[in-house]
Amino acid sequence: MADLELEALRYPVGKFNLSRGPLTAEERKQFTDELATLPERLRHTLSGLNGKQFDTPYREGGWTVRQVVHHIADSHMNAYIRYKLALTEDAPTIRPYKEAAWAELADSRLTPVDVSLALVESLHARWVVLLRTLQPADWARTMIHPERGTMSLELTLAMYAWHSAHHLAHITGLRKRNNW
């Protein structure tokens, strides 16, 4: 498989631009709406898949659909906690985690996807309430990521909207390629 083809499978919506400038209020609303609808879009994307399909990698060397779904839950739980830390502390240093290692743990390889779907639904219900009540100044609050540097809540919002689209595209692309 050619490098460009592999890159397209790995980043089906392109890579996230960390140097993105300030967002408008409308962009913040759009990204928040994308997070609000993620659980429904994810459930729809997974509809009709069976056990063998859940255990199919979205690309050679990539995670299975099951691992992708559990990763979304893991990642968005971390994001929600990071938001709360940034809103209640001054520029907290957050702790990164080893996403690939988490994806290899038994809960990510064996647990039915419905468990993480329910978690994402509940988590996003709370997270979106929090996001929709932030004041303009709140979006400038920051956290320090040891590997990425200082990140505002605004930038993080854009990143998790991208993250949602990124992983949905992994699954929809696999379904399309396999005619599922």
Protein backbone atom coordinates (compact mmCIF):
# COMPACT_ATOMS: atom_id res chain seq x y z
CA MET A 1 0.00 0.00 0.00
CA ALA A 2 1.40 3.39 -0.99
CA ASP A 3 2.33 5.88 1.72
CA LEU A 4 -0.27 8.40 0.49
CA GLU A 5 -2.99 5.77 0.53
CA LEU A 6 -2.00 4.68 4.05
CA GLU A 7 -1.95 8.32 5.18
CA ALA A 8 -5.45 8.83 3.74
CA LEU A 9 -6.71 5.79 5.67
CA ARG A 10 -5.00 6.96 8.85
CA TYR A 11 -6.21 10.58 8.57
CA PRO A 12 -9.41 10.42 6.49
CA VAL A 13 -10.41 14.00 7.38
CA GLY A 14 -6.84 15.31 7.40
CA LYS A 15 -4.62 16.09 10.36
CA PHE A 16 -5.72 18.55 13.03
CA ASN A 17 -4.08 21.97 12.82
CA LEU A 18 -2.80 22.81 16.32
CA SER A 19 -1.86 26.34 15.28
CA ARG A 20 -5.43 27.28 14.50
CA GLY A 21 -6.30 30.86 15.48
CA PRO A 22 -9.14 32.12 17.69
CA LEU A 23 -12.61 30.80 16.97
CA THR A 24 -15.70 32.89 16.39
CA ALA A 25 -18.74 32.41 18.61
CA GLU A 26 -20.43 30.71 15.64
CA GLU A 27 -17.52 28.26 15.21
CA ARG A 28 -17.63 27.43 18.93
CA LYS A 29 -21.36 26.77 18.61
CA GLN A 30 -20.81 24.59 15.53
CA PHE A 31 -18.09 22.52 17.23
CA THR A 32 -20.21 22.17 20.38
CA ASP A 33 -23.14 21.02 18.23
CA GLU A 34 -20.85 18.43 16.62
CA LEU A 35 -19.99 17.07 20.07
CA ALA A 36 -23.68 17.13 21.02
CA THR A 37 -24.60 14.98 18.03
CA LEU A 38 -21.62 12.62 18.18
CA PRO A 39 -23.38 9.92 20.22
CA GLU A 40 -26.28 9.72 17.73
CA ARG A 41 -23.94 9.83 14.72
CA LEU A 42 -21.72 7.14 16.26
CA ARG A 43 -24.71 4.90 17.01
CA HIS A 44 -25.94 5.35 13.43
CA THR A 45 -22.47 4.61 12.02
CA LEU A 46 -22.29 1.35 14.00
CA SER A 47 -25.85 0.27 13.23
CA GLY A 48 -26.09 -3.20 11.72
CA LEU A 49 -22.48 -4.24 12.34
CA ASN A 50 -21.83 -7.69 13.81
CA GLY A 51 -19.14 -9.13 16.10
CA LYS A 52 -16.72 -10.01 13.30
CA GLN A 53 -17.10 -6.54 11.80
CA PHE A 54 -16.50 -4.89 15.20
CA ASP A 55 -13.25 -6.84 15.37
CA THR A 56 -12.05 -5.73 11.92
CA PRO A 57 -9.27 -3.11 11.83
CA TYR A 58 -10.21 0.07 9.94
CA ARG A 59 -6.83 -0.17 8.16
CA GLU A 60 -3.87 -2.53 8.12
CA GLY A 61 -2.08 -2.10 11.44
CA GLY A 62 -4.92 0.03 12.82
CA TRP A 63 -7.38 -0.46 15.62
CA THR A 64 -10.52 -2.52 15.25
CA VAL A 65 -13.89 -0.79 15.13
CA ARG A 66 -14.43 -1.98 18.73
CA GLN A 67 -11.14 -0.40 19.84
CA VAL A 68 -11.99 2.86 18.03
CA VAL A 69 -15.33 3.11 19.84
CA HIS A 70 -13.74 2.45 23.23
CA HIS A 71 -10.95 4.92 22.39
CA ILE A 72 -13.51 7.64 21.71
CA ALA A 73 -14.99 7.05 25.16
CA ASP A 74 -11.55 7.02 26.81
CA SER A 75 -10.37 10.12 24.99
CA HIS A 76 -13.52 12.15 25.56
CA MET A 77 -13.59 11.22 29.26
CA ASN A 78 -10.08 12.62 29.53
CA ALA A 79 -11.14 15.74 27.63
CA TYR A 80 -14.10 16.35 29.92
CA ILE A 81 -11.91 16.06 33.02
CA ARG A 82 -9.33 18.35 31.43
CA TYR A 83 -12.03 20.95 30.80
CA LYS A 84 -13.10 20.84 34.42
CA LEU A 85 -9.50 21.16 35.57
CA ALA A 86 -8.90 24.15 33.29
CA LEU A 87 -12.09 25.82 34.50
CA THR A 88 -11.28 25.37 38.19
CA GLU A 89 -7.48 25.72 38.30
CA ASP A 90 -5.03 28.18 36.79
CA ALA A 91 -3.36 26.59 33.74
CA PRO A 92 -3.17 23.07 35.18
CA THR A 93 -0.67 20.64 33.76
CA ILE A 94 -2.67 17.71 32.49
CA ARG A 95 -1.50 14.15 32.33
CA PRO A 96 -1.24 12.54 28.90
CA TYR A 97 -2.02 8.85 28.57
CA LYS A 98 -0.78 6.11 26.26
CA GLU A 99 -3.74 5.78 23.89
CA ALA A 100 -2.28 2.82 21.99
CA ALA A 101 -1.59 0.93 25.22
CA TRP A 102 -5.11 1.66 26.50
CA ALA A 103 -6.54 0.30 23.22
CA GLU A 104 -4.73 -3.00 23.83
CA LEU A 105 -6.19 -3.53 27.32
CA ALA A 106 -8.85 -6.23 27.65
CA ASP A 107 -11.71 -3.77 28.18
CA SER A 108 -10.95 -2.17 24.79
CA ARG A 109 -10.56 -5.48 22.98
CA LEU A 110 -13.45 -7.45 24.53
CA THR A 111 -16.18 -5.19 25.89
CA PRO A 112 -19.30 -4.83 23.72
CA VAL A 113 -19.39 -1.44 21.96
CA ASP A 114 -22.80 -0.67 23.50
CA VAL A 115 -21.05 -0.09 26.82
CA SER A 116 -18.94 2.74 25.41
CA LEU A 117 -21.85 4.05 23.34
CA ALA A 118 -23.86 4.48 26.55
CA LEU A 119 -20.86 6.10 28.21
CA VAL A 120 -20.36 8.53 25.31
CA GLU A 121 -24.08 9.41 25.38
CA SER A 122 -24.01 10.20 29.11
CA LEU A 123 -20.63 11.91 28.99
CA HIS A 124 -21.56 14.14 26.07
CA ALA A 125 -24.86 15.07 27.71
CA ARG A 126 -22.88 16.54 30.62
CA TRP A 127 -19.99 17.90 28.58
CA VAL A 128 -22.28 19.77 26.19
CA VAL A 129 -24.18 21.38 29.10
CA LEU A 130 -20.83 22.61 30.38
CA LEU A 131 -19.70 23.84 26.96
CA ARG A 132 -22.95 25.70 26.27
CA THR A 133 -22.71 27.59 29.54
CA LEU A 134 -19.13 28.84 29.11
CA GLN A 135 -18.69 32.58 28.98
CA PRO A 136 -16.49 34.17 26.26
CA ALA A 137 -13.57 34.59 28.69
CA ASP A 138 -13.77 30.93 29.71
CA TRP A 139 -12.74 29.81 26.23
CA ALA A 140 -9.34 31.45 26.73
CA ARG A 141 -8.62 29.41 29.87
CA THR A 142 -5.73 27.07 29.36
CA MET A 143 -4.19 23.79 30.31
CA ILE A 144 -0.63 22.69 29.80
CA HIS A 145 -0.13 19.49 27.86
CA PRO A 146 3.41 18.17 28.48
CA GLU A 147 3.80 17.21 24.81
CA ARG A 148 1.71 19.89 23.05
CA GLY A 149 2.29 22.91 25.27
CA THR A 150 -0.35 25.41 26.37
CA MET A 151 -3.80 24.70 24.96
CA SER A 152 -6.89 26.87 25.34
CA LEU A 153 -10.34 25.41 25.88
CA GLU A 154 -11.26 26.93 22.54
CA LEU A 155 -8.48 25.07 20.71
CA THR A 156 -9.37 21.90 22.59
CA LEU A 157 -13.00 22.22 21.49
CA ALA A 158 -11.92 22.37 17.84
CA MET A 159 -9.59 19.42 18.41
CA TYR A 160 -12.32 17.17 19.86
CA ALA A 161 -14.77 18.09 17.12
CA TRP A 162 -12.04 17.04 14.67
CA HIS A 163 -11.34 13.91 16.76
CA SER A 164 -15.00 12.90 16.51
CA ALA A 165 -15.09 13.34 12.73
CA HIS A 166 -11.70 11.61 12.39
CA HIS A 167 -12.83 8.40 14.10
CA LEU A 168 -16.29 8.36 12.54
CA ALA A 169 -14.55 8.54 9.16
CA HIS A 170 -12.39 5.55 10.10
CA ILE A 171 -15.53 3.48 10.59
CA THR A 172 -17.55 4.85 7.67
CA GLY A 173 -14.55 4.41 5.36
CA LEU A 174 -14.16 0.78 6.42
CA ARG A 175 -17.88 0.16 5.90
CA LYS A 176 -17.72 1.70 2.44
CA ARG A 177 -14.59 -0.24 1.39
CA ASN A 178 -16.14 -3.52 2.60
CA ASN A 179 -19.68 -2.79 1.37
CA TRP A 180 -21.13 -3.23 4.85
